[in-house]
Amino acid sequence: MNHYRKDIAFAMLGWPFHILLDFPFHPKEFFPTKIVWPLSDFSFDGISWSRPEVWFPNLAGIIILFIYRKYHKVTDA
C-alpha cells in the first residue's frame, strides 16, 4: 500500500519551489544565487523581491492560495 499524507506532501513542495524562485529573484548585490555551484560561480542579476511588480503579485498569489485552501477542503475517506 502506498499511503501518504497529502497535506504534508503539499507543504514539502515549498522547498523546491523556493529554490527555483531564488534564481530570478535575488539581485547580485543582495544574495546572488550561484546556479551550478560548485562547478561554476555563474550567477545573474535577478529582480529584487521588494520591487512592487514582484511583491504585489506574490502577495496576491499567497492570499488566493489561502482562500482556495480554506474553501476547498478535501476530506479523507
C-alpha atoms as a PDB file:
ATOM      1  CA  MET A   1       0.000   0.000   0.000  1.00  0.00           C
ATOM      2  CA  ASN A   2       1.201   3.427  -0.867  1.00  0.00           C
ATOM      3  CA  HIS A   3      -0.329   5.808   1.666  1.00  0.00           C
ATOM      4  CA  TYR A   4       0.989   9.272   2.292  1.00  0.00           C
ATOM      5  CA  ARG A   5      -0.372  12.417   3.825  1.00  0.00           C
ATOM      6  CA  LYS A   6      -1.338  14.830   1.078  1.00  0.00           C
ATOM      7  CA  ASP A   7      -1.156  17.834   3.396  1.00  0.00           C
ATOM      8  CA  ILE A   8       2.491  17.120   4.182  1.00  0.00           C
ATOM      9  CA  ALA A   9       3.272  16.377   0.528  1.00  0.00           C
ATOM     10  CA  PHE A  10       1.765  19.745  -0.455  1.00  0.00           C
ATOM     11  CA  ALA A  11       3.787  21.564   2.200  1.00  0.00           C
ATOM     12  CA  MET A  12       7.012  19.898   1.038  1.00  0.00           C
ATOM     13  CA  LEU A  13       6.562  21.432  -2.423  1.00  0.00           C
ATOM     14  CA  GLY A  14       7.565  24.753  -0.867  1.00  0.00           C
ATOM     15  CA  TRP A  15      11.205  23.702  -0.678  1.00  0.00           C
ATOM     16  CA  PRO A  16      11.887  23.010  -4.388  1.00  0.00           C
ATOM     17  CA  PHE A  17       9.634  25.937  -5.347  1.00  0.00           C
ATOM     18  CA  HIS A  18      11.700  28.252  -3.141  1.00  0.00           C
ATOM     19  CA  ILE A  19      14.926  27.034  -4.755  1.00  0.00           C
ATOM     20  CA  LEU A  20      13.530  27.705  -8.236  1.00  0.00           C
ATOM     21  CA  LEU A  21      12.459  31.209  -7.185  1.00  0.00           C
ATOM     22  CA  ASP A  22      15.876  32.018  -5.712  1.00  0.00           C
ATOM     23  CA  PHE A  23      17.480  32.217  -9.152  1.00  0.00           C
ATOM     24  CA  PRO A  24      15.470  35.021 -10.778  1.00  0.00           C
ATOM     25  CA  PHE A  25      14.548  36.946  -7.617  1.00  0.00           C
ATOM     26  CA  HIS A  26      17.874  37.644  -5.900  1.00  0.00           C
ATOM     27  CA  PRO A  27      19.936  40.570  -7.198  1.00  0.00           C
ATOM     28  CA  LYS A  28      23.725  40.238  -7.234  1.00  0.00           C
ATOM     29  CA  GLU A  29      24.224  42.925  -4.589  1.00  0.00           C
ATOM     30  CA  PHE A  30      21.947  41.193  -2.068  1.00  0.00           C
ATOM     31  CA  PHE A  31      22.321  37.436  -2.428  1.00  0.00           C
ATOM     32  CA  PRO A  32      23.476  36.163  -5.823  1.00  0.00           C
ATOM     33  CA  THR A  33      22.392  32.542  -6.211  1.00  0.00           C
ATOM     34  CA  LYS A  34      25.082  30.507  -7.909  1.00  0.00           C
ATOM     35  CA  ILE A  35      23.063  28.165 -10.111  1.00  0.00           C
ATOM     36  CA  VAL A  36      25.573  25.350 -10.695  1.00  0.00           C
ATOM     37  CA  TRP A  37      27.895  25.857  -7.736  1.00  0.00           C
ATOM     38  CA  PRO A  38      30.495  24.287  -7.088  1.00  0.00           C
ATOM     39  CA  LEU A  39      31.026  23.648 -10.800  1.00  0.00           C
ATOM     40  CA  SER A  40      30.840  27.344 -11.640  1.00  0.00           C
ATOM     41  CA  ASP A  41      30.379  30.701  -9.922  1.00  0.00           C
ATOM     42  CA  PHE A  42      27.899  31.793 -12.587  1.00  0.00           C
ATOM     43  CA  SER A  43      25.023  33.895 -11.316  1.00  0.00           C
ATOM     44  CA  PHE A  44      22.838  36.533 -12.882  1.00  0.00           C
ATOM     45  CA  ASP A  45      21.338  39.745 -11.619  1.00  0.00           C
ATOM     46  CA  GLY A  46      17.788  38.960 -10.607  1.00  0.00           C
ATOM     47  CA  ILE A  47      14.859  41.197  -9.712  1.00  0.00           C
ATOM     48  CA  SER A  48      14.536  42.177  -6.054  1.00  0.00           C
ATOM     49  CA  TRP A  49      11.517  40.896  -4.098  1.00  0.00           C
ATOM     50  CA  SER A  50      10.966  44.423  -2.789  1.00  0.00           C
ATOM     51  CA  ARG A  51      10.038  45.807  -6.204  1.00  0.00           C
ATOM     52  CA  PRO A  52       6.273  46.421  -6.468  1.00  0.00           C
ATOM     53  CA  GLU A  53       5.905  44.441  -9.712  1.00  0.00           C
ATOM     54  CA  VAL A  54       7.199  41.368  -7.858  1.00  0.00           C
ATOM     55  CA  TRP A  55       5.920  41.953  -4.326  1.00  0.00           C
ATOM     56  CA  PHE A  56       2.241  42.647  -5.055  1.00  0.00           C
ATOM     57  CA  PRO A  57       1.658  39.651  -7.377  1.00  0.00           C
ATOM     58  CA  ASN A  58       3.432  37.452  -4.833  1.00  0.00           C
ATOM     59  CA  LEU A  59       1.191  38.728  -2.046  1.00  0.00           C
ATOM     60  CA  ALA A  60      -1.918  38.299  -4.215  1.00  0.00           C
ATOM     61  CA  GLY A  61      -0.889  34.730  -5.051  1.00  0.00           C
ATOM     62  CA  ILE A  62      -0.442  33.864  -1.384  1.00  0.00           C
ATOM     63  CA  ILE A  63      -3.837  35.340  -0.467  1.00  0.00           C
ATOM     64  CA  ILE A  64      -5.553  33.493  -3.334  1.00  0.00           C
ATOM     65  CA  LEU A  65      -3.886  30.245  -2.285  1.00  0.00           C
ATOM     66  CA  PHE A  66      -5.043  30.630   1.328  1.00  0.00           C
ATOM     67  CA  ILE A  67      -8.604  31.431   0.251  1.00  0.00           C
ATOM     68  CA  TYR A  68      -8.644  28.464  -2.120  1.00  0.00           C
ATOM     69  CA  ARG A  69      -7.310  26.104   0.554  1.00  0.00           C
ATOM     70  CA  LYS A  70      -9.862  27.403   3.073  1.00  0.00           C
ATOM     71  CA  TYR A  71     -12.906  26.803   0.864  1.00  0.00           C
ATOM     72  CA  HIS A  72     -11.765  23.633  -0.904  1.00  0.00           C
ATOM     73  CA  LYS A  73     -11.012  21.286   1.955  1.00  0.00           C
ATOM     74  CA  VAL A  74     -10.581  17.654   0.955  1.00  0.00           C
ATOM     75  CA  THR A  75     -11.750  15.015   3.395  1.00  0.00           C
ATOM     76  CA  ASP A  76     -10.008  11.653   3.578  1.00  0.00           C
ATOM     77  CA  ALA A  77     -12.299   8.702   3.043  1.00  0.00           C
END
